[in-house]
Amino acid sequence: MRFQRIQTLLLFSFLSTTAVGLSFTAEETLDTFVRPDRDSDVWSELLPGESVDLEVRTASGWLGFDPGVAQAANTSSFRYRWLPPGTVAVSTEELPVVWAPTLYVSYAMTQVETPVYANQDTTETPLAVIPANSAVAIVGITVTWFRVDMSDSPENVDLQGWIPAEAVSIN
């Protein structure tokens, strides 16, 4: 009995310290987008009375929520679906600001730390490492390598280099 009570207290403590999103209920039909841009593909409609928990925002005011459905290996900002700025009438300042992918750019998504090389040669010393569960813009392609631009990534580093294509998935 004592052990069960400790487990319950630990679970309650964990739940009370876990970040909770801002709940939003649509009053009218709203389009939600795949990327935070009105020219992006529409992911779905949020119907009147439907609710989502807003978890993040972009610097430009887009509001991200986890759609709650499997999305292959989507990580980073790619796992969110987006509501346009001005959709919510309450303050969203408490939501963390995240990097937003650029429309019409393909990104390499990492599942593990991925070294970036100056050339297509894994025996070289890496220039940088892309963290696990991140993304970086693809600016060139060969049969087995991607040239990437880390300035268009959550890391925002002014660096271009090469990563093995087999190390990442594409979004």
C-alpha atoms as a PDB file:
ATOM      1  CA  MET A   1       0.000   0.000   0.000  1.00  0.00           C
ATOM      2  CA  ARG A   2       2.819   2.405   0.894  1.00  0.00           C
ATOM      3  CA  PHE A   3       4.605   1.654  -2.410  1.00  0.00           C
ATOM      4  CA  GLN A   4       1.411   2.364  -4.389  1.00  0.00           C
ATOM      5  CA  ARG A   5       0.949   5.702  -2.580  1.00  0.00           C
ATOM      6  CA  ILE A   6       4.560   6.711  -3.421  1.00  0.00           C
ATOM      7  CA  GLN A   7       3.989   5.782  -7.067  1.00  0.00           C
ATOM      8  CA  THR A   8       0.818   7.879  -7.126  1.00  0.00           C
ATOM      9  CA  LEU A   9       2.610  10.853  -5.553  1.00  0.00           C
ATOM     10  CA  LEU A  10       5.489  10.544  -8.021  1.00  0.00           C
ATOM     11  CA  LEU A  11       3.071  10.366 -10.958  1.00  0.00           C
ATOM     12  CA  PHE A  12       1.124  13.386  -9.687  1.00  0.00           C
ATOM     13  CA  SER A  13       4.382  15.290  -9.164  1.00  0.00           C
ATOM     14  CA  PHE A  14       5.526  14.430 -12.711  1.00  0.00           C
ATOM     15  CA  LEU A  15       2.215  15.462 -14.250  1.00  0.00           C
ATOM     16  CA  SER A  16       2.107  18.738 -12.354  1.00  0.00           C
ATOM     17  CA  THR A  17       5.592  19.723 -13.557  1.00  0.00           C
ATOM     18  CA  THR A  18       5.161  18.645 -17.182  1.00  0.00           C
ATOM     19  CA  ALA A  19       4.689  21.515 -19.621  1.00  0.00           C
ATOM     20  CA  VAL A  20       1.065  21.863 -20.653  1.00  0.00           C
ATOM     21  CA  GLY A  21       0.005  23.564 -23.867  1.00  0.00           C
ATOM     22  CA  LEU A  22      -2.570  26.289 -24.190  1.00  0.00           C
ATOM     23  CA  SER A  23      -5.934  24.716 -25.018  1.00  0.00           C
ATOM     24  CA  PHE A  24      -7.690  26.281 -28.017  1.00  0.00           C
ATOM     25  CA  THR A  25     -11.249  25.554 -29.205  1.00  0.00           C
ATOM     26  CA  ALA A  26     -12.275  26.650 -32.683  1.00  0.00           C
ATOM     27  CA  GLU A  27     -15.334  28.892 -32.934  1.00  0.00           C
ATOM     28  CA  GLU A  28     -15.389  28.625 -36.724  1.00  0.00           C
ATOM     29  CA  THR A  29     -13.885  26.283 -39.311  1.00  0.00           C
ATOM     30  CA  LEU A  30     -10.144  26.898 -39.563  1.00  0.00           C
ATOM     31  CA  ASP A  31      -7.521  25.469 -41.892  1.00  0.00           C
ATOM     32  CA  THR A  32      -4.472  23.934 -40.230  1.00  0.00           C
ATOM     33  CA  PHE A  33      -1.262  23.808 -42.236  1.00  0.00           C
ATOM     34  CA  VAL A  34       1.610  21.356 -42.729  1.00  0.00           C
ATOM     35  CA  ARG A  35       4.201  24.147 -42.499  1.00  0.00           C
ATOM     36  CA  PRO A  36       3.833  27.560 -40.897  1.00  0.00           C
ATOM     37  CA  ASP A  37       2.958  29.405 -44.119  1.00  0.00           C
ATOM     38  CA  ARG A  38      -0.429  30.168 -45.722  1.00  0.00           C
ATOM     39  CA  ASP A  39       0.906  28.829 -49.042  1.00  0.00           C
ATOM     40  CA  SER A  40       1.672  25.484 -47.397  1.00  0.00           C
ATOM     41  CA  ASP A  41      -0.512  22.444 -47.911  1.00  0.00           C
ATOM     42  CA  VAL A  42      -3.624  22.401 -45.721  1.00  0.00           C
ATOM     43  CA  TRP A  43      -3.327  19.486 -43.306  1.00  0.00           C
ATOM     44  CA  SER A  44      -6.936  19.485 -42.119  1.00  0.00           C
ATOM     45  CA  GLU A  45      -9.822  21.629 -41.013  1.00  0.00           C
ATOM     46  CA  LEU A  46     -10.410  22.357 -37.362  1.00  0.00           C
ATOM     47  CA  LEU A  47     -14.211  22.381 -37.016  1.00  0.00           C
ATOM     48  CA  PRO A  48     -16.232  24.534 -34.597  1.00  0.00           C
ATOM     49  CA  GLY A  49     -16.041  23.002 -31.118  1.00  0.00           C
ATOM     50  CA  GLU A  50     -12.870  20.992 -31.844  1.00  0.00           C
ATOM     51  CA  SER A  51      -9.947  21.650 -29.518  1.00  0.00           C
ATOM     52  CA  VAL A  52      -6.176  21.363 -29.798  1.00  0.00           C
ATOM     53  CA  ASP A  53      -3.427  21.982 -27.273  1.00  0.00           C
ATOM     54  CA  LEU A  54      -1.099  24.633 -28.626  1.00  0.00           C
ATOM     55  CA  GLU A  55       2.477  23.742 -27.668  1.00  0.00           C
ATOM     56  CA  VAL A  56       4.803  26.135 -29.515  1.00  0.00           C
ATOM     57  CA  ARG A  57       4.913  29.292 -31.608  1.00  0.00           C
ATOM     58  CA  THR A  58       7.220  30.633 -34.286  1.00  0.00           C
ATOM     59  CA  ALA A  59       8.873  34.042 -34.197  1.00  0.00           C
ATOM     60  CA  SER A  60       6.324  35.145 -36.820  1.00  0.00           C
ATOM     61  CA  GLY A  61       3.360  34.089 -34.647  1.00  0.00           C
ATOM     62  CA  TRP A  62       2.306  30.728 -36.102  1.00  0.00           C
ATOM     63  CA  LEU A  63       0.916  28.379 -33.426  1.00  0.00           C
ATOM     64  CA  GLY A  64       1.933  24.720 -33.422  1.00  0.00           C
ATOM     65  CA  PHE A  65       0.101  21.699 -32.037  1.00  0.00           C
ATOM     66  CA  ASP A  66       0.833  17.989 -32.042  1.00  0.00           C
ATOM     67  CA  PRO A  67      -1.785  16.383 -34.307  1.00  0.00           C
ATOM     68  CA  GLY A  68      -1.756  13.167 -32.298  1.00  0.00           C
ATOM     69  CA  VAL A  69      -1.348  10.874 -35.307  1.00  0.00           C
ATOM     70  CA  ALA A  70       1.687   8.979 -36.532  1.00  0.00           C
ATOM     71  CA  GLN A  71       3.805  11.005 -38.953  1.00  0.00           C
ATOM     72  CA  ALA A  72       6.603   8.637 -39.916  1.00  0.00           C
ATOM     73  CA  ALA A  73       9.921  10.018 -38.665  1.00  0.00           C
ATOM     74  CA  ASN A  74       8.880  13.662 -38.367  1.00  0.00           C
ATOM     75  CA  THR A  75      10.948  15.446 -35.742  1.00  0.00           C
ATOM     76  CA  SER A  76      11.664  19.009 -34.713  1.00  0.00           C
ATOM     77  CA  SER A  77       9.128  21.544 -36.020  1.00  0.00           C
ATOM     78  CA  PHE A  78       7.953  19.046 -38.658  1.00  0.00           C
ATOM     79  CA  ARG A  79       5.922  17.103 -36.094  1.00  0.00           C
ATOM     80  CA  TYR A  80       3.617  20.085 -35.497  1.00  0.00           C
ATOM     81  CA  ARG A  81       0.628  21.272 -37.489  1.00  0.00           C
ATOM     82  CA  TRP A  82       0.075  24.996 -37.637  1.00  0.00           C
ATOM     83  CA  LEU A  83      -2.555  27.668 -37.075  1.00  0.00           C
ATOM     84  CA  PRO A  84      -1.943  31.129 -38.606  1.00  0.00           C
ATOM     85  CA  PRO A  85      -1.028  34.194 -36.548  1.00  0.00           C
ATOM     86  CA  GLY A  86      -4.035  35.995 -35.102  1.00  0.00           C
ATOM     87  CA  THR A  87      -6.121  32.825 -34.770  1.00  0.00           C
ATOM     88  CA  VAL A  88      -6.132  32.874 -30.977  1.00  0.00           C
ATOM     89  CA  ALA A  89      -7.444  35.914 -29.096  1.00  0.00           C
ATOM     90  CA  VAL A  90      -5.543  35.167 -25.858  1.00  0.00           C
ATOM     91  CA  SER A  91      -1.852  35.677 -25.129  1.00  0.00           C
ATOM     92  CA  THR A  92       0.444  32.936 -26.399  1.00  0.00           C
ATOM     93  CA  GLU A  93       3.598  34.508 -24.948  1.00  0.00           C
ATOM     94  CA  GLU A  94       4.117  31.578 -22.556  1.00  0.00           C
ATOM     95  CA  LEU A  95       4.512  29.144 -25.480  1.00  0.00           C
ATOM     96  CA  PRO A  96       8.137  28.429 -26.416  1.00  0.00           C
ATOM     97  CA  VAL A  97       9.388  29.882 -29.705  1.00  0.00           C
ATOM     98  CA  VAL A  98      10.674  27.260 -32.159  1.00  0.00           C
ATOM     99  CA  TRP A  99      12.457  27.343 -35.485  1.00  0.00           C
ATOM    100  CA  ALA A 100      10.131  27.222 -38.506  1.00  0.00           C
ATOM    101  CA  PRO A 101      10.960  25.387 -41.746  1.00  0.00           C
ATOM    102  CA  THR A 102      10.874  27.420 -44.935  1.00  0.00           C
ATOM    103  CA  LEU A 103       8.219  26.583 -47.501  1.00  0.00           C
ATOM    104  CA  TYR A 104       9.445  24.784 -50.654  1.00  0.00           C
ATOM    105  CA  VAL A 105      12.735  23.733 -49.029  1.00  0.00           C
ATOM    106  CA  SER A 106      13.610  20.076 -48.515  1.00  0.00           C
ATOM    107  CA  TYR A 107      15.199  19.208 -45.185  1.00  0.00           C
ATOM    108  CA  ALA A 108      17.326  16.345 -43.934  1.00  0.00           C
ATOM    109  CA  MET A 109      15.859  15.175 -40.621  1.00  0.00           C
ATOM    110  CA  THR A 110      18.240  13.517 -38.191  1.00  0.00           C
ATOM    111  CA  GLN A 111      17.365  10.689 -35.836  1.00  0.00           C
ATOM    112  CA  VAL A 112      20.875  10.589 -34.331  1.00  0.00           C
ATOM    113  CA  GLU A 113      23.772  13.041 -34.181  1.00  0.00           C
ATOM    114  CA  THR A 114      24.974  13.462 -37.758  1.00  0.00           C
ATOM    115  CA  PRO A 115      28.466  14.748 -38.674  1.00  0.00           C
ATOM    116  CA  VAL A 116      28.782  17.423 -41.381  1.00  0.00           C
ATOM    117  CA  TYR A 117      31.877  17.126 -43.583  1.00  0.00           C
ATOM    118  CA  ALA A 118      33.644  19.650 -45.835  1.00  0.00           C
ATOM    119  CA  ASN A 119      33.754  17.013 -48.585  1.00  0.00           C
ATOM    120  CA  GLN A 120      32.080  13.709 -49.378  1.00  0.00           C
ATOM    121  CA  ASP A 121      34.535  11.814 -47.191  1.00  0.00           C
ATOM    122  CA  THR A 122      33.718  10.325 -43.788  1.00  0.00           C
ATOM    123  CA  THR A 123      37.431   9.915 -42.959  1.00  0.00           C
ATOM    124  CA  GLU A 124      37.759  13.710 -42.628  1.00  0.00           C
ATOM    125  CA  THR A 125      37.249  15.519 -39.351  1.00  0.00           C
ATOM    126  CA  PRO A 126      33.647  16.811 -39.244  1.00  0.00           C
ATOM    127  CA  LEU A 127      33.067  20.562 -39.507  1.00  0.00           C
ATOM    128  CA  ALA A 128      30.044  20.308 -37.202  1.00  0.00           C
ATOM    129  CA  VAL A 129      27.457  17.882 -35.893  1.00  0.00           C
ATOM    130  CA  ILE A 130      23.720  18.166 -36.457  1.00  0.00           C
ATOM    131  CA  PRO A 131      21.991  17.139 -33.204  1.00  0.00           C
ATOM    132  CA  ALA A 132      19.627  14.183 -33.049  1.00  0.00           C
ATOM    133  CA  ASN A 133      16.000  15.017 -33.860  1.00  0.00           C
ATOM    134  CA  SER A 134      16.903  18.142 -35.786  1.00  0.00           C
ATOM    135  CA  ALA A 135      16.740  19.226 -39.425  1.00  0.00           C
ATOM    136  CA  VAL A 136      18.883  21.070 -41.933  1.00  0.00           C
ATOM    137  CA  ALA A 137      18.159  22.482 -45.413  1.00  0.00           C
ATOM    138  CA  ILE A 138      19.305  20.402 -48.381  1.00  0.00           C
ATOM    139  CA  VAL A 139      20.975  22.592 -51.035  1.00  0.00           C
ATOM    140  CA  GLY A 140      22.628  19.928 -53.202  1.00  0.00           C
ATOM    141  CA  ILE A 141      22.402  16.219 -53.923  1.00  0.00           C
ATOM    142  CA  THR A 142      24.655  13.497 -55.275  1.00  0.00           C
ATOM    143  CA  VAL A 143      23.841   9.801 -55.434  1.00  0.00           C
ATOM    144  CA  THR A 144      24.838   9.140 -51.817  1.00  0.00           C
ATOM    145  CA  TRP A 145      25.371  12.576 -50.233  1.00  0.00           C
ATOM    146  CA  PHE A 146      23.403  15.731 -49.388  1.00  0.00           C
ATOM    147  CA  ARG A 147      24.957  19.195 -49.353  1.00  0.00           C
ATOM    148  CA  VAL A 148      23.318  20.992 -46.425  1.00  0.00           C
ATOM    149  CA  ASP A 149      23.018  24.579 -45.235  1.00  0.00           C
ATOM    150  CA  MET A 150      22.995  24.804 -41.448  1.00  0.00           C
ATOM    151  CA  SER A 151      21.886  28.458 -41.536  1.00  0.00           C
ATOM    152  CA  ASP A 152      18.403  27.132 -42.423  1.00  0.00           C
ATOM    153  CA  SER A 153      18.060  24.865 -39.416  1.00  0.00           C
ATOM    154  CA  PRO A 154      17.221  25.066 -35.708  1.00  0.00           C
ATOM    155  CA  GLU A 155      20.973  25.444 -35.060  1.00  0.00           C
ATOM    156  CA  ASN A 156      21.234  28.532 -37.343  1.00  0.00           C
ATOM    157  CA  VAL A 157      24.978  28.129 -37.992  1.00  0.00           C
ATOM    158  CA  ASP A 158      26.562  29.816 -41.018  1.00  0.00           C
ATOM    159  CA  LEU A 159      28.023  26.627 -42.460  1.00  0.00           C
ATOM    160  CA  GLN A 160      27.537  24.398 -45.471  1.00  0.00           C
ATOM    161  CA  GLY A 161      28.825  20.866 -45.791  1.00  0.00           C
ATOM    162  CA  TRP A 162      28.038  17.292 -46.754  1.00  0.00           C
ATOM    163  CA  ILE A 163      26.211  14.494 -44.916  1.00  0.00           C
ATOM    164  CA  PRO A 164      25.687  10.892 -46.035  1.00  0.00           C
ATOM    165  CA  ALA A 165      22.185  10.480 -47.476  1.00  0.00           C
ATOM    166  CA  GLU A 166      21.710   7.189 -45.635  1.00  0.00           C
ATOM    167  CA  ALA A 167      21.990   8.985 -42.273  1.00  0.00           C
ATOM    168  CA  VAL A 168      18.773  11.002 -42.581  1.00  0.00           C
ATOM    169  CA  SER A 169      15.200  11.075 -43.814  1.00  0.00           C
ATOM    170  CA  ILE A 170      13.800  13.842 -45.998  1.00  0.00           C
ATOM    171  CA  ASN A 171      10.929  16.204 -45.341  1.00  0.00           C
END
